[in-house]
């Protein structure tokens, strides 16, 4: 698993597998799931991460 934090947009990208994204599903206005062609979860994007994921910058 890879975790990438983009400070300029306060976005976290969690990558569970290195496969091409086939579809992205919006869970709500801040959370998106990336799926492969078989419908398997391969990643997640969290926007406004510091407040949405209840984390602090030191924890990244």
C-alpha atoms as a PDB file:
ATOM      1  CA  UNK A   1       0.000   0.000   0.000  1.00  0.00           C
ATOM      2  CA  UNK A   2       1.190   3.502  -0.834  1.00  0.00           C
ATOM      3  CA  UNK A   3       0.015   6.709   0.777  1.00  0.00           C
ATOM      4  CA  UNK A   4       0.522  10.050  -0.930  1.00  0.00           C
ATOM      5  CA  UNK A   5      -0.424  13.384   0.625  1.00  0.00           C
ATOM      6  CA  UNK A   6      -0.810  16.479  -1.550  1.00  0.00           C
ATOM      7  CA  UNK A   7      -0.479  19.460   0.780  1.00  0.00           C
ATOM      8  CA  UNK A   8      -1.557  22.041  -1.803  1.00  0.00           C
ATOM      9  CA  UNK A   9      -4.992  20.399  -2.153  1.00  0.00           C
ATOM     10  CA  UNK A  10      -5.148  18.659   1.269  1.00  0.00           C
ATOM     11  CA  UNK A  11      -5.751  15.355  -0.498  1.00  0.00           C
ATOM     12  CA  UNK A  12      -4.674  11.839   0.421  1.00  0.00           C
ATOM     13  CA  UNK A  13      -4.334   9.107  -2.177  1.00  0.00           C
ATOM     14  CA  UNK A  14      -4.221   5.543  -0.845  1.00  0.00           C
ATOM     15  CA  UNK A  15      -3.058   3.000  -3.417  1.00  0.00           C
ATOM     16  CA  UNK A  16      -3.774  -0.625  -2.532  1.00  0.00           C
ATOM     17  CA  UNK A  17      -2.662  -2.134  -5.839  1.00  0.00           C
ATOM     18  CA  UNK A  18      -0.754  -0.922  -8.879  1.00  0.00           C
ATOM     19  CA  UNK A  19      -3.392  -1.585 -11.508  1.00  0.00           C
ATOM     20  CA  UNK A  20      -5.090   0.702 -13.999  1.00  0.00           C
ATOM     21  CA  UNK A  21      -8.175   2.476 -12.692  1.00  0.00           C
ATOM     22  CA  UNK A  22     -11.223   1.298 -14.612  1.00  0.00           C
ATOM     23  CA  UNK A  23     -13.884   3.181 -12.641  1.00  0.00           C
ATOM     24  CA  UNK A  24     -14.080   5.755  -9.867  1.00  0.00           C
ATOM     25  CA  UNK A  25     -17.090   5.772  -7.562  1.00  0.00           C
ATOM     26  CA  UNK A  26     -18.019   8.788  -5.481  1.00  0.00           C
ATOM     27  CA  UNK A  27     -18.941   7.846  -1.924  1.00  0.00           C
ATOM     28  CA  UNK A  28     -19.594  11.457  -0.948  1.00  0.00           C
ATOM     29  CA  UNK A  29     -18.271  14.830  -2.074  1.00  0.00           C
ATOM     30  CA  UNK A  30     -14.885  14.135  -0.424  1.00  0.00           C
ATOM     31  CA  UNK A  31     -14.287  10.382  -0.779  1.00  0.00           C
ATOM     32  CA  UNK A  32     -13.747   8.448  -4.015  1.00  0.00           C
ATOM     33  CA  UNK A  33     -13.015   4.752  -4.568  1.00  0.00           C
ATOM     34  CA  UNK A  34     -10.911   3.545  -7.505  1.00  0.00           C
ATOM     35  CA  UNK A  35     -11.810   0.143  -8.914  1.00  0.00           C
ATOM     36  CA  UNK A  36     -10.098  -2.125 -11.420  1.00  0.00           C
ATOM     37  CA  UNK A  37     -11.861  -3.792 -14.356  1.00  0.00           C
ATOM     38  CA  UNK A  38     -13.055  -6.627 -12.069  1.00  0.00           C
ATOM     39  CA  UNK A  39     -14.581  -4.237  -9.530  1.00  0.00           C
ATOM     40  CA  UNK A  40     -11.783  -4.708  -6.970  1.00  0.00           C
ATOM     41  CA  UNK A  41     -10.828  -1.777  -4.773  1.00  0.00           C
ATOM     42  CA  UNK A  42      -7.381  -0.564  -5.788  1.00  0.00           C
ATOM     43  CA  UNK A  43      -7.349   2.941  -4.329  1.00  0.00           C
ATOM     44  CA  UNK A  44      -9.107   5.660  -2.394  1.00  0.00           C
ATOM     45  CA  UNK A  45      -8.939   9.443  -2.584  1.00  0.00           C
ATOM     46  CA  UNK A  46      -9.859  11.610   0.397  1.00  0.00           C
ATOM     47  CA  UNK A  47     -10.235  15.333  -0.225  1.00  0.00           C
ATOM     48  CA  UNK A  48     -10.019  17.813   2.680  1.00  0.00           C
ATOM     49  CA  UNK A  49      -8.080  15.032   4.366  1.00  0.00           C
ATOM     50  CA  UNK A  50      -7.045  16.800   7.557  1.00  0.00           C
ATOM     51  CA  UNK A  51     -10.669  17.243   8.595  1.00  0.00           C
ATOM     52  CA  UNK A  52     -12.376  14.342   6.774  1.00  0.00           C
ATOM     53  CA  UNK A  53      -9.982  11.608   7.885  1.00  0.00           C
ATOM     54  CA  UNK A  54      -9.482  13.089  11.373  1.00  0.00           C
ATOM     55  CA  UNK A  55      -5.703  13.083  11.045  1.00  0.00           C
ATOM     56  CA  UNK A  56      -2.976  15.612  11.609  1.00  0.00           C
ATOM     57  CA  UNK A  57      -0.055  16.494   9.384  1.00  0.00           C
ATOM     58  CA  UNK A  58       2.463  14.895  11.755  1.00  0.00           C
ATOM     59  CA  UNK A  59       0.709  11.566  11.266  1.00  0.00           C
ATOM     60  CA  UNK A  60       1.431  11.552   7.542  1.00  0.00           C
END
